[in-house]
Structure formats: structure tokens, C-alpha cells
Amino acid sequence: MSLRLRSWLIVCFCACAWQAPNAIAADDDNGWRHETTEEGVSVSLRNEPGRDLPVFRGVGKVDASIFEILGVLDDSPRLVEWMSNCIGSKVLKQVNEFDRIVYNRTDSPWPVSDRDVVLSATVQASMTKREVWCRFESTNYPAMGPIDGVVRMPRLRGYYRLQAIDETHTRVTYQIDADPGGMLPDWLVARATKQLPIQTIVGMRKQVKKMRGKYDEFVRRYDPAQGGKIPEQFDR
């Protein structure tokens, strides 16, 4: 993600001075290895025993405030315009202001079957750190059963982490841990792990630019600097 849910959308900013987070960090000591850097997005992988697909993450800068990015994430029908390989997305249930159940479908090249997944998403934010975590995880939802010809993913979990650099720049981390189900050719796995985070963050940059100004009402609603109100229960 959207993997885009309103549960990702209520942000946690203080009306105090902004502080920039550290620059894009080097890989840590938890098994991550740097794979590539393209278009300003650093991609790292971590292998997990018994899994065909490594955990992967991309880190890059987006020239927009957190509130602008959250406006893009909130606009579920437009997910297909920028999310890599996404050909379908719809909200199945609005749990509350912060949480949703959502359906996503991912296109796969022939002869590989498309994948789909039902996700539960929520948000965690820190007012003091000026960051928001948009987390999502696959879940069972009987009202949205399997579709003929489409492989339901056994596991998908991940997050967007948005960290303010300043009022108009945000560090975005996008991480995915997935079991796509079925058999996948090695070339497809290799391409997906390298290109998905790059295409997603680059797509986000383009969508923010394309939609700039169209989410002003959303921004005013939640941005304290513009008189918005952030629910206290959102700061966890």
C-alpha cells in the first residue's frame, strides 16, 4: 500500500518546530542487504528461512508534506493510477475513522495468475517524532471469497512509514513481507523484489504532483498548522 486506507490518514504533528529525521540510513545489522538504488530510492532485501520471497523495503524522499501524501493514500479509487501493478482496490468495510478492511488485486504477467488479498489496515503515529506508520496485514473476510483464476495470497504484511524532513519534504519507507502463493518463476521474484518498491515510491511522487491542491480540504481538516484537529487517541 493500499494499500491505501483512511486508517492511514490521521496524522500526528505538533504545532512546534519541525526537526528533520536522519538522512536515508545504511542497512542495519538485522540481515538486510542493499540491493540497488534507482531514481533516488534505496532498495534492501532480507531473506527469511523457508520463504520464496525475501522481505523487501524501499526508502526515498517525496517532495510533499505528510498531509499531502496522506491525502493521496486516502483516495482509494486512484490507487490503480500509481501503485505498482495494482489493477483493483476497494474498501470492503469501514471499521472506524482509523481502520478499514480493503481488497487489492495485483496484475501478473502471463502465464502467471493475478494475485489478490484482503487487508486489515491501521495507523500508528507519534506526535513527538512527527512520523506516521501506515500498517497493513492480510486477514480473512468471508464476504470477499476467492475469485476464479486469481490466487489469494496466504500472507501479506507491511507498512508505509512517513517521516517529516520539513514542511514540504517527507522520507517514505515502504516495506513488504509476502507469501504470494503458488509457484512463481525466479525471474519474476527477482524483478518484483527490486522494482516494486522503486515503482511504488516513484509513483507516489508523481501522484502527489498530479493531485496537488485537490486534497486541500483534507489537509485543512487534519493539519494543526491550518487549524485542523488531530484525535488524541491517534497518538499511540
Protein backbone atom coordinates (compact mmCIF):
# COMPACT_ATOMS: atom_id res chain seq x y z
CA MET A 1 0.00 0.00 0.00
CA SER A 2 -3.35 0.42 -0.41
CA LEU A 3 -3.00 -0.40 0.33
CA ARG A 4 -4.48 2.95 0.94
CA LEU A 5 -6.84 3.34 3.86
CA ARG A 6 -8.27 6.23 5.83
CA SER A 7 -6.82 4.38 8.79
CA TRP A 8 -3.53 5.63 7.48
CA LEU A 9 -4.71 9.12 7.30
CA ILE A 10 -4.98 10.83 10.64
CA VAL A 11 -1.57 12.23 11.25
CA CYS A 12 0.33 13.17 14.32
CA PHE A 13 2.03 16.52 14.16
CA CYS A 14 2.76 19.03 16.88
CA ALA A 15 2.45 22.72 16.19
CA CYS A 16 6.03 23.05 17.36
CA ALA A 17 9.24 23.40 15.37
CA TRP A 18 9.98 20.77 12.76
CA GLN A 19 13.03 18.56 13.08
CA ALA A 20 14.42 16.60 10.15
CA PRO A 21 14.97 12.85 10.63
CA ASN A 22 18.30 11.36 9.73
CA ALA A 23 19.16 11.01 6.07
CA ILE A 24 18.44 7.69 4.37
CA ALA A 25 20.16 5.20 6.61
CA ALA A 26 22.54 2.43 5.67
CA ASP A 27 21.37 -1.16 6.12
CA ASP A 28 21.24 -2.32 9.72
CA ASP A 29 22.67 -5.49 11.26
CA ASN A 30 19.42 -7.47 11.13
CA GLY A 31 20.14 -9.31 7.91
CA TRP A 32 19.32 -6.53 5.47
CA ARG A 33 21.49 -6.12 2.39
CA HIS A 34 21.44 -3.26 -0.04
CA GLU A 35 20.25 -4.40 -3.46
CA THR A 36 20.09 -1.29 -5.62
CA THR A 37 19.47 2.45 -5.68
CA GLU A 38 17.48 3.83 -8.60
CA GLU A 39 15.64 7.11 -9.05
CA GLY A 40 16.57 8.13 -5.53
CA VAL A 41 15.02 5.02 -3.97
CA SER A 42 17.27 2.68 -1.97
CA VAL A 43 16.10 -0.95 -2.03
CA SER A 44 17.18 -3.52 0.56
CA LEU A 45 16.32 -7.21 0.94
CA ARG A 46 16.31 -9.67 3.82
CA ASN A 47 15.98 -13.42 3.33
CA GLU A 48 13.79 -15.41 5.69
CA PRO A 49 14.24 -19.19 6.13
CA GLY A 50 11.68 -21.25 4.26
CA ARG A 51 10.30 -18.36 2.21
CA ASP A 52 10.49 -17.96 -1.55
CA LEU A 53 10.19 -14.19 -1.50
CA PRO A 54 12.51 -12.06 0.64
CA VAL A 55 11.25 -9.20 2.75
CA PHE A 56 11.98 -6.01 0.84
CA ARG A 57 11.86 -2.32 1.53
CA GLY A 58 12.41 0.89 -0.35
CA VAL A 59 13.37 4.26 1.10
CA GLY A 60 13.10 7.54 -0.76
CA LYS A 61 12.22 11.20 -0.43
CA VAL A 62 8.92 12.66 -1.63
CA ASP A 63 8.62 16.40 -2.22
CA ALA A 64 5.43 16.84 -0.24
CA SER A 65 4.25 17.16 3.33
CA ILE A 66 2.97 14.14 5.22
CA PHE A 67 -0.55 15.55 4.93
CA GLU A 68 -0.34 15.76 1.14
CA ILE A 69 0.89 12.17 0.96
CA LEU A 70 -1.86 11.00 3.27
CA GLY A 71 -4.38 12.70 1.00
CA VAL A 72 -3.08 10.54 -1.85
CA LEU A 73 -3.23 7.40 0.31
CA ASP A 74 -6.79 8.22 1.33
CA ASP A 75 -8.01 8.40 -2.27
CA SER A 76 -8.64 4.67 -2.67
CA PRO A 77 -10.18 4.70 -6.17
CA ARG A 78 -6.99 6.25 -7.56
CA LEU A 79 -4.67 3.62 -6.13
CA VAL A 80 -4.55 1.94 -9.53
CA GLU A 81 -3.08 5.13 -11.01
CA TRP A 82 0.19 4.93 -9.12
CA MET A 83 0.62 1.76 -7.08
CA SER A 84 2.88 -0.67 -8.93
CA ASN A 85 0.90 -3.42 -10.70
CA CYS A 86 -2.32 -2.64 -8.82
CA ILE A 87 -5.38 -3.24 -11.04
CA GLY A 88 -8.10 -3.21 -8.40
CA SER A 89 -8.74 -1.74 -4.97
CA LYS A 90 -11.91 -1.25 -2.96
CA VAL A 91 -12.91 -0.71 0.64
CA LEU A 92 -14.90 -3.65 1.97
CA LYS A 93 -15.61 -2.30 5.43
CA GLN A 94 -15.03 0.99 7.20
CA VAL A 95 -14.33 -0.17 10.74
CA ASN A 96 -13.95 3.31 12.20
CA GLU A 97 -12.23 6.58 11.35
CA PHE A 98 -8.86 4.88 11.53
CA ASP A 99 -9.36 1.32 10.34
CA ARG A 100 -10.54 -0.35 7.16
CA ILE A 101 -10.80 -3.72 5.51
CA VAL A 102 -9.74 -3.40 1.88
CA TYR A 103 -9.42 -5.64 -1.17
CA ASN A 104 -6.48 -5.34 -3.57
CA ARG A 105 -5.66 -7.17 -6.78
CA THR A 106 -2.22 -7.27 -8.40
CA ASP A 107 -1.56 -7.87 -12.07
CA SER A 108 0.88 -10.63 -13.04
CA PRO A 109 2.47 -11.22 -16.44
CA TRP A 110 1.22 -14.17 -18.47
CA PRO A 111 1.20 -17.09 -17.79
CA VAL A 112 1.30 -16.27 -14.05
CA SER A 113 -2.11 -15.80 -12.40
CA ASP A 114 -3.04 -12.48 -10.82
CA ARG A 115 -2.79 -12.27 -7.03
CA ASP A 116 -5.28 -10.71 -4.66
CA VAL A 117 -5.54 -10.12 -0.93
CA VAL A 118 -7.88 -8.81 1.73
CA LEU A 119 -6.11 -6.47 4.12
CA SER A 120 -6.72 -5.01 7.54
CA ALA A 121 -5.03 -1.65 7.94
CA THR A 122 -4.48 0.71 10.81
CA VAL A 123 -2.32 3.64 11.74
CA GLN A 124 0.13 4.47 14.49
CA ALA A 125 1.56 7.91 14.90
CA SER A 126 3.95 9.80 17.14
CA MET A 127 3.33 13.47 17.73
CA THR A 128 6.77 13.92 19.25
CA LYS A 129 8.64 12.16 16.45
CA ARG A 130 6.48 13.67 13.71
CA GLU A 131 6.00 10.42 11.91
CA VAL A 132 3.18 8.06 10.98
CA TRP A 133 3.15 4.30 10.42
CA CYS A 134 0.54 3.03 7.97
CA ARG A 135 0.43 -0.71 8.64
CA PHE A 136 -1.48 -3.38 6.73
CA GLU A 137 -1.81 -7.16 7.06
CA SER A 138 -3.77 -9.88 5.27
CA THR A 139 -6.91 -11.06 7.01
CA ASN A 140 -9.86 -13.37 6.47
CA TYR A 141 -13.06 -11.70 5.34
CA PRO A 142 -15.77 -14.22 4.42
CA ALA A 143 -17.78 -11.69 2.44
CA MET A 144 -14.92 -11.49 -0.08
CA GLY A 145 -14.13 -15.06 -1.01
CA PRO A 146 -11.64 -16.35 -3.58
CA ILE A 147 -12.08 -15.41 -7.23
CA ASP A 148 -11.74 -17.99 -10.01
CA GLY A 149 -8.43 -17.68 -11.81
CA VAL A 150 -6.90 -15.44 -9.14
CA VAL A 151 -4.55 -16.69 -6.41
CA ARG A 152 -5.40 -15.43 -2.93
CA MET A 153 -2.15 -14.52 -1.18
CA PRO A 154 -1.65 -16.52 2.04
CA ARG A 155 0.30 -13.71 3.69
CA LEU A 156 0.98 -10.05 3.12
CA ARG A 157 2.10 -7.60 5.74
CA GLY A 158 3.90 -4.34 5.54
CA TYR A 159 3.80 -0.62 6.10
CA TYR A 160 4.43 2.88 4.89
CA ARG A 161 6.50 4.91 7.32
CA LEU A 162 6.27 8.65 6.73
CA GLN A 163 8.82 10.89 8.46
CA ALA A 164 8.81 14.64 8.12
CA ILE A 165 12.03 16.15 6.85
CA ASP A 166 10.49 19.63 6.80
CA GLU A 167 7.15 21.21 5.87
CA THR A 168 7.41 20.15 2.23
CA HIS A 169 9.56 17.01 2.20
CA THR A 170 8.92 13.54 3.61
CA ARG A 171 11.06 10.43 3.95
CA VAL A 172 8.98 7.42 2.88
CA THR A 173 9.83 3.83 3.80
CA TYR A 174 7.79 1.11 2.09
CA GLN A 175 8.25 -2.47 3.36
CA ILE A 176 6.59 -5.72 2.27
CA ASP A 177 6.70 -9.27 3.67
CA ALA A 178 4.64 -11.53 1.42
CA ASP A 179 3.80 -15.10 0.55
CA PRO A 180 2.29 -14.75 -2.92
CA GLY A 181 1.06 -18.35 -3.00
CA GLY A 182 1.51 -20.87 -5.78
CA MET A 183 4.61 -21.27 -7.88
CA LEU A 184 6.45 -18.24 -9.19
CA PRO A 185 9.41 -18.22 -11.60
CA ASP A 186 12.70 -16.96 -10.20
CA TRP A 187 12.88 -14.12 -12.73
CA LEU A 188 9.53 -12.77 -11.56
CA VAL A 189 10.53 -12.92 -7.90
CA ALA A 190 13.80 -11.11 -8.65
CA ARG A 191 12.06 -8.40 -10.66
CA ALA A 192 9.33 -7.87 -8.10
CA THR A 193 11.64 -7.50 -5.12
CA LYS A 194 13.77 -4.90 -6.87
CA GLN A 195 11.23 -2.95 -8.86
CA LEU A 196 8.09 -2.90 -6.70
CA PRO A 197 9.42 -0.51 -4.03
CA ILE A 198 11.02 1.73 -6.65
CA GLN A 199 7.90 1.91 -8.81
CA THR A 200 5.66 2.48 -5.80
CA ILE A 201 7.62 5.39 -4.33
CA VAL A 202 8.24 6.95 -7.74
CA GLY A 203 4.53 6.52 -8.48
CA MET A 204 3.67 8.22 -5.21
CA ARG A 205 5.86 11.20 -6.16
CA LYS A 206 4.09 11.57 -9.48
CA GLN A 207 0.64 11.20 -7.96
CA VAL A 208 1.33 13.83 -5.30
CA LYS A 209 2.40 16.26 -8.00
CA LYS A 210 -0.55 15.39 -10.23
CA MET A 211 -3.13 15.80 -7.45
CA ARG A 212 -1.56 18.80 -5.69
CA GLY A 213 -4.25 21.15 -4.44
CA LYS A 214 -7.06 18.61 -4.77
CA TYR A 215 -6.76 17.44 -1.16
CA ASP A 216 -6.69 20.88 0.44
CA GLU A 217 -9.87 20.19 2.41
CA PHE A 218 -8.35 17.02 3.80
CA VAL A 219 -5.15 18.82 4.74
CA ARG A 220 -7.05 21.64 6.47
CA ARG A 221 -9.06 19.08 8.43
CA TYR A 222 -6.05 17.39 9.99
CA ASP A 223 -3.09 19.76 9.79
CA PRO A 224 -2.75 21.67 13.09
CA ALA A 225 -0.85 24.40 11.27
CA GLN A 226 -4.01 25.05 9.26
CA GLY A 227 -6.42 24.82 12.17
CA GLY A 228 -7.04 21.09 11.86
CA LYS A 229 -7.57 18.75 14.77
CA ILE A 230 -5.74 15.51 15.42
CA PRO A 231 -7.65 12.99 17.57
CA GLU A 232 -5.78 12.30 20.76
CA GLN A 233 -6.32 8.55 20.50
CA PHE A 234 -4.32 8.51 17.28
CA ASP A 235 -1.07 9.16 19.13
CA ARG A 236 -0.01 5.71 20.28
